[in-house]
Amino acid sequence: MNHTIKAGASDYGLGPHTFPRGWFVVAEAGELQSSPVAVTFFGRDFVLYRGSSGQVVMLDAYCRHMRAHLAKSTSAHITKTGANVEGDSIRCPYHGWKYGADGKLEEIPYEKGFCPERLSIGAYPVRELMGCILMWHDPEGGEPDYEPPYLPAWETPGAIPWELDHLGEIAIHQIEILDNMADVHHLGPTHGSPCEYLENEFRGTQVIQRQGGFIDFYQADLKTVTWYTGPGILLSKQQYLANTRYEFIANTPVQDGLTKAWHGVLTVAQTATPTAAEIETARQEQAGALATFSADFEIWKHKEPAVQVIQTPHDGRFRALRKWVKQFYMPRGEALAIQRELDGILPVPGFPDAGSNKDGDFEADCFGLAPARALQGLGGESRHAPFPSH
């Protein structure tokens, strides 16, 4: 599908980098079967595959020899016979050049011992976590500053994991999606859940929203704590009536001003082994949460870019939120300066903050990063050059 790009990073004045630094979803884990998968993100083409060891590998898509795409051949003999993935390495379908999981050229079949390192291709840090494949993207080519966010509830007995909703691509810059973290006054008109309290807290590479109020959809009071870890992954813990659920929203830049999105909901059953009825209830929970999120999605799809938000005296903290986002488009040293400026709690002017609604027990399983035991197919050494600034 062709999209008309409405605004890019430079229009929002985000920084010298066109694309942000951080962890981003690039596929659902179940999409990696026996064949390599072609994906496009950050204005570049990549190949994703699972090696025989189970390791997930992400490389630049094109062979250095004659620029053949490593994943876009279904008719080549090497592909039809399954010989393109060899161990944790991959062979080009054109001449059989073999690249390792680290991107290094390992073999040219007809040139014994001739594998110049300069003919290697880029390899990128990936993690398999909570049913997702995540990539570390860094315009400066650095290694990950932190691990991806993680929900301990994923390992709880009775956990019913999400099956991701693939929401496709939307011609909007991701900053307008992140604006929701500060947008206290859209909750009533858009979602039927006018906010009774809200505050933002900035913690380095995380931004937190605490809010609550009566939600018409459930005819009940809703209490939530929602947080982004980096600009690409949102997690939210939500409680209403006797129900607790965890919502997941991911957004990843495809091109500058074009974003791909995913959605899911995790619930925990009353029994250690969920029954069919509990699983069906969990699917209904996810469908209900998606219906709520879709109201935002529809508005984003048809709106013009808000390159500058007209900030009214009692609006949410859009300017602070957008400054927090800017750190991911800046060199690391400048990003730290933004963190030092913003870190702390910011209430909405003239609006109740979280106050007595804060609950340390409720937030005890929030804001964590992935422990080593939760990471599957953990990639080894990566070798990637800084991304072009476009």
Protein backbone atom coordinates (compact mmCIF):
# COMPACT_ATOMS: atom_id res chain seq x y z
CA MET A 1 0.00 0.00 0.00
CA ASN A 2 1.29 3.44 -0.90
CA HIS A 3 1.15 6.03 1.86
CA THR A 4 1.39 9.79 1.65
CA ILE A 5 3.89 10.93 4.28
CA LYS A 6 2.52 13.98 6.06
CA ALA A 7 5.41 15.00 8.33
CA GLY A 8 8.81 13.68 9.37
CA ALA A 9 11.24 14.07 12.25
CA SER A 10 12.70 17.32 10.95
CA ASP A 11 9.24 18.91 10.83
CA TYR A 12 8.89 18.26 14.56
CA GLY A 13 12.42 19.49 15.27
CA LEU A 14 13.32 16.26 17.01
CA GLY A 15 17.05 16.21 16.50
CA PRO A 16 19.86 15.39 14.13
CA HIS A 17 18.76 11.77 13.72
CA THR A 18 15.86 10.88 11.45
CA PHE A 19 15.01 7.74 13.44
CA PRO A 20 15.16 7.15 17.20
CA ARG A 21 17.37 5.00 19.39
CA GLY A 22 15.77 2.17 21.37
CA TRP A 23 14.12 -1.25 21.30
CA PHE A 24 11.41 -1.77 18.69
CA VAL A 25 9.18 -4.64 17.66
CA VAL A 26 9.99 -5.93 14.18
CA ALA A 27 7.93 -9.16 14.11
CA GLU A 28 5.80 -11.51 16.15
CA ALA A 29 7.86 -14.51 17.21
CA GLY A 30 5.50 -16.93 15.46
CA GLU A 31 6.26 -15.30 12.11
CA LEU A 32 9.74 -16.86 12.12
CA GLN A 33 9.28 -20.39 10.88
CA SER A 34 11.58 -22.24 8.48
CA SER A 35 12.14 -19.45 5.96
CA PRO A 36 13.86 -16.07 6.30
CA VAL A 37 11.52 -13.08 6.50
CA ALA A 38 12.00 -9.76 4.73
CA VAL A 39 11.18 -6.66 6.81
CA THR A 40 11.56 -2.92 6.28
CA PHE A 41 12.02 -0.50 9.16
CA PHE A 42 13.89 2.76 9.71
CA GLY A 43 14.01 3.28 5.97
CA ARG A 44 16.11 0.12 5.46
CA ASP A 45 15.57 -3.46 4.35
CA PHE A 46 16.50 -6.33 6.67
CA VAL A 47 16.31 -10.11 6.77
CA LEU A 48 15.10 -11.96 9.88
CA TYR A 49 15.51 -15.68 10.45
CA ARG A 50 15.81 -18.29 13.16
CA GLY A 51 18.96 -20.38 13.07
CA SER A 52 19.11 -24.07 13.90
CA SER A 53 20.20 -23.23 17.46
CA GLY A 54 17.00 -21.21 17.93
CA GLN A 55 18.89 -17.91 17.78
CA VAL A 56 17.05 -15.10 16.01
CA VAL A 57 19.25 -13.21 13.57
CA MET A 58 18.71 -9.82 11.93
CA LEU A 59 20.99 -8.73 9.11
CA ASP A 60 21.07 -6.17 6.33
CA ALA A 61 19.01 -7.59 3.50
CA TYR A 62 21.38 -7.39 0.54
CA CYS A 63 24.34 -9.58 -0.37
CA ARG A 64 27.49 -7.54 -0.96
CA HIS A 65 28.30 -9.43 -4.16
CA MET A 66 25.53 -8.39 -6.56
CA ARG A 67 22.99 -6.92 -4.12
CA ALA A 68 20.55 -9.84 -4.19
CA HIS A 69 17.97 -9.81 -1.37
CA LEU A 70 18.69 -12.62 1.07
CA ALA A 71 15.00 -13.34 1.80
CA LYS A 72 13.07 -12.43 -1.35
CA SER A 73 13.49 -15.53 -3.44
CA THR A 74 11.00 -18.38 -3.31
CA SER A 75 11.96 -20.05 -6.61
CA ALA A 76 15.74 -20.37 -6.25
CA HIS A 77 16.89 -23.97 -5.75
CA ILE A 78 18.73 -23.12 -2.54
CA THR A 79 15.49 -21.70 -1.12
CA LYS A 80 13.17 -24.49 -2.26
CA THR A 81 15.45 -27.12 -0.70
CA GLY A 82 15.80 -25.21 2.60
CA ALA A 83 19.55 -24.85 2.16
CA ASN A 84 19.56 -21.07 2.53
CA VAL A 85 19.68 -21.27 6.34
CA GLU A 86 22.70 -23.31 7.41
CA GLY A 87 23.16 -23.55 11.16
CA ASP A 88 22.84 -19.96 12.34
CA SER A 89 24.15 -18.64 9.03
CA ILE A 90 22.36 -17.69 5.80
CA ARG A 91 23.28 -18.14 2.14
CA CYS A 92 22.44 -15.77 -0.67
CA PRO A 93 19.99 -17.36 -3.14
CA TYR A 94 21.95 -15.97 -6.10
CA HIS A 95 25.53 -17.29 -5.74
CA GLY A 96 25.47 -18.96 -2.32
CA TRP A 97 27.63 -16.48 -0.42
CA LYS A 98 27.36 -17.38 3.26
CA TYR A 99 26.98 -14.87 6.08
CA GLY A 100 27.19 -15.65 9.79
CA ALA A 101 24.84 -14.45 12.52
CA ASP A 102 27.34 -11.64 13.17
CA GLY A 103 27.11 -10.51 9.53
CA LYS A 104 30.62 -11.67 8.67
CA LEU A 105 31.18 -13.22 5.28
CA GLU A 106 31.99 -16.88 6.03
CA GLU A 107 32.25 -18.46 2.61
CA ILE A 108 32.23 -17.82 -1.12
CA PRO A 109 31.59 -21.35 -2.45
CA TYR A 110 33.85 -20.99 -5.47
CA GLU A 111 36.68 -18.98 -3.77
CA LYS A 112 38.47 -21.08 -1.16
CA GLY A 113 39.77 -19.05 1.76
CA PHE A 114 38.72 -15.70 0.26
CA CYS A 115 36.38 -13.97 2.73
CA PRO A 116 37.39 -10.31 3.12
CA GLU A 117 35.91 -8.78 6.25
CA ARG A 118 35.10 -5.63 4.28
CA LEU A 119 32.45 -7.67 2.45
CA SER A 120 30.50 -8.36 5.64
CA ILE A 121 26.99 -6.98 6.16
CA GLY A 122 25.37 -5.31 9.15
CA ALA A 123 24.07 -7.43 12.04
CA TYR A 124 21.77 -6.02 14.71
CA PRO A 125 21.02 -6.85 18.36
CA VAL A 126 17.70 -8.69 18.69
CA ARG A 127 15.73 -10.13 21.58
CA GLU A 128 12.86 -12.61 21.59
CA LEU A 129 10.60 -11.59 24.44
CA MET A 130 6.92 -11.94 25.36
CA GLY A 131 6.05 -13.36 21.94
CA CYS A 132 7.82 -10.55 20.07
CA ILE A 133 11.05 -10.08 18.15
CA LEU A 134 12.66 -6.79 19.14
CA MET A 135 15.52 -4.97 17.47
CA TRP A 136 17.88 -2.45 19.04
CA HIS A 137 18.09 0.50 16.66
CA ASP A 138 20.79 3.11 17.16
CA PRO A 139 21.65 5.75 14.54
CA GLU A 140 25.13 5.97 16.09
CA GLY A 141 25.72 2.22 15.85
CA GLY A 142 26.06 1.69 19.62
CA GLU A 143 25.23 -1.38 21.66
CA PRO A 144 22.02 -1.45 23.75
CA ASP A 145 21.92 0.95 26.69
CA TYR A 146 19.31 -1.17 28.48
CA GLU A 147 17.27 -4.34 28.00
CA PRO A 148 13.67 -4.25 26.71
CA PRO A 149 10.77 -3.83 29.16
CA TYR A 150 9.25 -6.94 30.67
CA LEU A 151 6.14 -8.00 32.57
CA PRO A 152 6.80 -10.53 35.37
CA ALA A 153 3.12 -11.48 35.01
CA TRP A 154 4.13 -13.22 31.76
CA GLU A 155 5.65 -15.99 33.91
CA THR A 156 2.81 -16.14 36.45
CA PRO A 157 0.92 -19.47 36.69
CA GLY A 158 -2.33 -18.98 34.83
CA ALA A 159 -0.97 -16.27 32.54
CA ILE A 160 -2.82 -16.07 29.21
CA PRO A 161 -0.40 -14.38 26.81
CA TRP A 162 -1.55 -12.12 24.04
CA GLU A 163 -1.86 -13.09 20.42
CA LEU A 164 -0.80 -9.84 18.81
CA ASP A 165 -3.17 -7.68 16.83
CA HIS A 166 -1.26 -6.57 13.74
CA LEU A 167 -2.54 -3.05 13.09
CA GLY A 168 -0.50 -2.42 9.97
CA GLU A 169 1.04 0.84 8.85
CA ILE A 170 -0.27 4.32 9.49
CA ALA A 171 1.00 7.53 7.89
CA ILE A 172 1.70 9.36 11.14
CA HIS A 173 4.92 10.11 12.94
CA GLN A 174 5.29 8.11 16.12
CA ILE A 175 5.54 11.27 18.24
CA GLU A 176 1.81 11.84 17.74
CA ILE A 177 1.16 8.37 19.15
CA LEU A 178 3.33 9.11 22.17
CA ASP A 179 1.42 12.37 22.74
CA ASN A 180 -1.29 10.22 24.35
CA MET A 181 0.90 9.87 27.44
CA ALA A 182 0.26 13.53 28.27
CA ASP A 183 -3.18 13.95 26.74
CA VAL A 184 -5.51 14.10 29.73
CA HIS A 185 -8.45 15.74 27.96
CA HIS A 186 -8.98 13.30 25.07
CA LEU A 187 -9.96 10.47 27.41
CA GLY A 188 -13.57 11.62 27.84
CA PRO A 189 -14.50 12.57 24.25
CA THR A 190 -12.56 9.75 22.60
CA HIS A 191 -12.86 6.87 25.09
CA GLY A 192 -15.79 7.71 27.33
CA SER A 193 -13.53 7.67 30.39
CA PRO A 194 -13.06 11.23 31.63
CA CYS A 195 -10.00 11.42 33.80
CA GLU A 196 -10.35 12.19 37.51
CA TYR A 197 -6.61 12.41 38.13
CA LEU A 198 -3.44 12.21 36.04
CA GLU A 199 0.26 12.81 36.40
CA ASN A 200 3.39 12.08 34.38
CA GLU A 201 6.67 10.94 35.81
CA PHE A 202 9.91 11.02 33.84
CA ARG A 203 12.61 8.47 34.72
CA GLY A 204 15.46 8.58 32.24
CA THR A 205 14.42 6.47 29.27
CA GLN A 206 10.97 5.81 30.77
CA VAL A 207 7.90 8.01 30.97
CA ILE A 208 5.01 7.01 33.24
CA GLN A 209 1.36 8.03 33.23
CA ARG A 210 -0.82 7.44 36.29
CA GLN A 211 -4.51 8.09 35.70
CA GLY A 212 -7.96 6.89 36.62
CA GLY A 213 -11.67 7.60 36.42
CA PHE A 214 -15.05 6.14 35.54
CA ILE A 215 -15.09 4.38 32.17
CA ASP A 216 -18.40 4.14 30.37
CA PHE A 217 -17.47 1.00 28.38
CA TYR A 218 -17.20 -1.08 31.56
CA GLN A 219 -19.49 1.02 33.79
CA ALA A 220 -16.79 0.91 36.43
CA ASP A 221 -13.88 2.87 37.85
CA LEU A 222 -10.64 2.27 35.98
CA LYS A 223 -7.19 2.65 37.52
CA THR A 224 -4.12 2.53 35.29
CA VAL A 225 -0.38 2.98 35.30
CA THR A 226 1.08 3.16 31.80
CA TRP A 227 4.71 3.50 30.77
CA TYR A 228 6.94 3.70 27.74
CA THR A 229 10.45 2.29 27.90
CA GLY A 230 12.07 4.14 25.04
CA PRO A 231 9.79 5.55 22.34
CA GLY A 232 8.62 2.24 20.85
CA ILE A 233 7.09 0.02 23.55
CA LEU A 234 4.15 0.83 25.82
CA LEU A 235 2.99 -1.35 28.69
CA SER A 236 -0.02 -0.60 30.88
CA LYS A 237 -1.44 -2.20 34.00
CA GLN A 238 -5.18 -1.65 34.30
CA GLN A 239 -7.63 -2.52 37.07
CA TYR A 240 -11.41 -2.30 37.04
CA LEU A 241 -13.99 -4.20 39.13
CA ALA A 242 -12.13 -7.40 40.10
CA ASN A 243 -10.14 -7.54 36.86
CA THR A 244 -6.49 -6.79 36.21
CA ARG A 245 -4.98 -6.81 32.76
CA TYR A 246 -1.77 -5.72 31.06
CA GLU A 247 -1.93 -3.94 27.71
CA PHE A 248 0.87 -3.81 25.15
CA ILE A 249 1.21 -1.33 22.29
CA ALA A 250 4.25 -1.18 20.03
CA ASN A 251 5.04 1.33 17.33
CA THR A 252 8.04 1.10 15.00
CA PRO A 253 9.05 3.56 12.26
CA VAL A 254 8.94 2.04 8.79
CA GLN A 255 9.87 5.24 7.00
CA ASP A 256 10.17 8.76 8.35
CA GLY A 257 6.54 9.61 9.14
CA LEU A 258 5.23 6.07 8.55
CA THR A 259 4.66 3.82 11.58
CA LYS A 260 3.74 0.15 12.05
CA ALA A 261 1.79 -0.83 15.15
CA TRP A 262 0.90 -3.93 17.20
CA HIS A 263 -1.41 -4.46 20.17
CA GLY A 264 -2.02 -7.14 22.78
CA VAL A 265 -3.47 -7.85 26.23
CA LEU A 266 -2.17 -10.25 28.88
CA THR A 267 -4.48 -11.54 31.59
CA VAL A 268 -3.98 -14.02 34.44
CA ALA A 269 -6.58 -16.73 35.02
CA GLN A 270 -7.83 -17.81 38.43
CA THR A 271 -6.47 -21.30 37.80
CA ALA A 272 -2.85 -22.28 37.16
CA THR A 273 -3.92 -23.98 33.94
CA PRO A 274 -6.40 -21.67 32.20
CA THR A 275 -9.67 -23.23 31.11
CA ALA A 276 -11.14 -22.78 27.64
CA ALA A 277 -13.67 -20.34 29.12
CA GLU A 278 -10.90 -18.28 30.75
CA ILE A 279 -8.95 -18.17 27.49
CA GLU A 280 -12.07 -17.00 25.65
CA THR A 281 -12.63 -14.31 28.28
CA ALA A 282 -9.01 -13.19 27.80
CA ARG A 283 -9.56 -12.90 24.05
CA GLN A 284 -12.65 -10.79 24.71
CA GLU A 285 -10.60 -8.57 27.04
CA GLN A 286 -8.10 -7.99 24.26
CA ALA A 287 -10.86 -7.28 21.74
CA GLY A 288 -12.39 -4.73 24.11
CA ALA A 289 -9.05 -3.02 24.69
CA LEU A 290 -8.42 -2.97 20.95
CA ALA A 291 -11.80 -1.35 20.34
CA THR A 292 -10.81 1.40 22.77
CA PHE A 293 -7.39 1.88 21.17
CA SER A 294 -8.92 1.85 17.68
CA ALA A 295 -10.71 5.09 18.47
CA ASP A 296 -7.29 6.76 18.73
CA PHE A 297 -6.04 4.94 15.65
CA GLU A 298 -8.91 6.18 13.51
CA ILE A 299 -8.33 9.78 14.56
CA TRP A 300 -4.58 9.51 13.87
CA LYS A 301 -5.28 8.04 10.44
CA HIS A 302 -7.27 11.07 9.31
CA LYS A 303 -5.69 13.98 11.20
CA GLU A 304 -3.14 16.45 9.94
CA PRO A 305 0.22 16.58 11.71
CA ALA A 306 0.28 18.58 14.94
CA VAL A 307 3.84 19.75 14.35
CA GLN A 308 3.28 22.26 17.14
CA VAL A 309 0.59 21.57 19.73
CA ILE A 310 -1.36 24.66 20.76
CA GLN A 311 -0.76 24.24 24.47
CA THR A 312 -3.61 25.67 26.55
CA PRO A 313 -3.15 26.51 30.26
CA HIS A 314 -4.84 23.32 31.46
CA ASP A 315 -3.66 20.91 28.75
CA GLY A 316 -1.50 17.93 29.56
CA ARG A 317 2.26 18.27 29.52
CA PHE A 318 2.73 17.93 25.75
CA ARG A 319 5.88 20.05 25.64
CA ALA A 320 7.62 18.05 28.36
CA LEU A 321 6.56 14.77 26.75
CA ARG A 322 7.89 15.82 23.36
CA LYS A 323 11.15 16.99 24.92
CA TRP A 324 11.46 13.53 26.52
CA VAL A 325 10.96 11.95 23.07
CA LYS A 326 13.68 14.17 21.58
CA GLN A 327 16.39 12.45 23.64
CA PHE A 328 16.09 9.38 21.43
CA TYR A 329 16.82 11.45 18.32
CA MET A 330 19.87 13.11 19.90
CA PRO A 331 23.45 11.94 20.51
CA ARG A 332 23.76 10.18 23.85
CA GLY A 333 25.46 13.09 25.63
CA GLU A 334 22.65 15.46 24.75
CA ALA A 335 20.08 12.83 25.69
CA LEU A 336 21.47 12.68 29.24
CA ALA A 337 21.06 16.43 29.56
CA ILE A 338 17.38 16.12 28.64
CA GLN A 339 16.93 13.39 31.24
CA ARG A 340 18.52 15.51 33.97
CA GLU A 341 16.21 18.40 33.07
CA LEU A 342 12.98 16.37 33.04
CA ASP A 343 13.35 13.62 35.64
CA GLY A 344 10.63 13.87 38.26
CA ILE A 345 6.83 14.09 38.55
CA LEU A 346 4.80 16.63 36.59
CA PRO A 347 1.09 17.04 37.38
CA VAL A 348 -1.33 18.68 34.95
CA PRO A 349 -1.91 22.35 35.86
CA GLY A 350 -5.20 22.79 37.73
CA PHE A 351 -5.94 19.06 37.59
CA PRO A 352 -5.80 16.47 40.40
CA ASP A 353 -2.58 14.44 40.41
CA ALA A 354 -2.35 10.79 41.41
CA GLY A 355 -2.01 11.75 45.08
CA SER A 356 -3.71 9.20 47.35
CA ASN A 357 -4.41 6.98 44.32
CA LYS A 358 -0.76 5.97 44.12
CA ASP A 359 -0.32 2.38 45.20
CA GLY A 360 3.14 0.92 45.58
CA ASP A 361 1.75 -2.62 45.65
CA PHE A 362 -0.18 -2.02 42.43
CA GLU A 363 3.00 -0.82 40.71
CA ALA A 364 5.28 -3.47 42.20
CA ASP A 365 5.44 -5.47 38.96
CA CYS A 366 5.72 -2.43 36.67
CA PHE A 367 8.66 -0.64 35.00
CA GLY A 368 11.04 -3.63 35.00
CA LEU A 369 13.49 -4.65 32.27
CA ALA A 370 13.94 -8.13 30.89
CA PRO A 371 16.01 -10.51 33.04
CA ALA A 372 18.38 -12.88 31.23
CA ARG A 373 16.15 -15.90 31.92
CA ALA A 374 13.30 -14.31 29.96
CA LEU A 375 15.32 -13.69 26.80
CA GLN A 376 15.04 -16.38 24.15
CA GLY A 377 17.32 -16.68 21.14
CA LEU A 378 19.64 -14.05 22.59
CA GLY A 379 21.83 -12.76 19.78
CA GLY A 380 25.58 -12.82 20.11
CA GLU A 381 28.11 -10.25 18.93
CA SER A 382 26.65 -7.66 16.62
CA ARG A 383 28.43 -5.56 14.07
CA HIS A 384 26.58 -2.59 12.71
CA ALA A 385 27.67 0.73 11.39
CA PRO A 386 25.92 3.97 12.25
CA PHE A 387 22.74 4.37 10.26
CA PRO A 388 22.76 7.07 7.60
CA SER A 389 20.97 10.22 8.73
CA HIS A 390 18.94 10.36 5.49
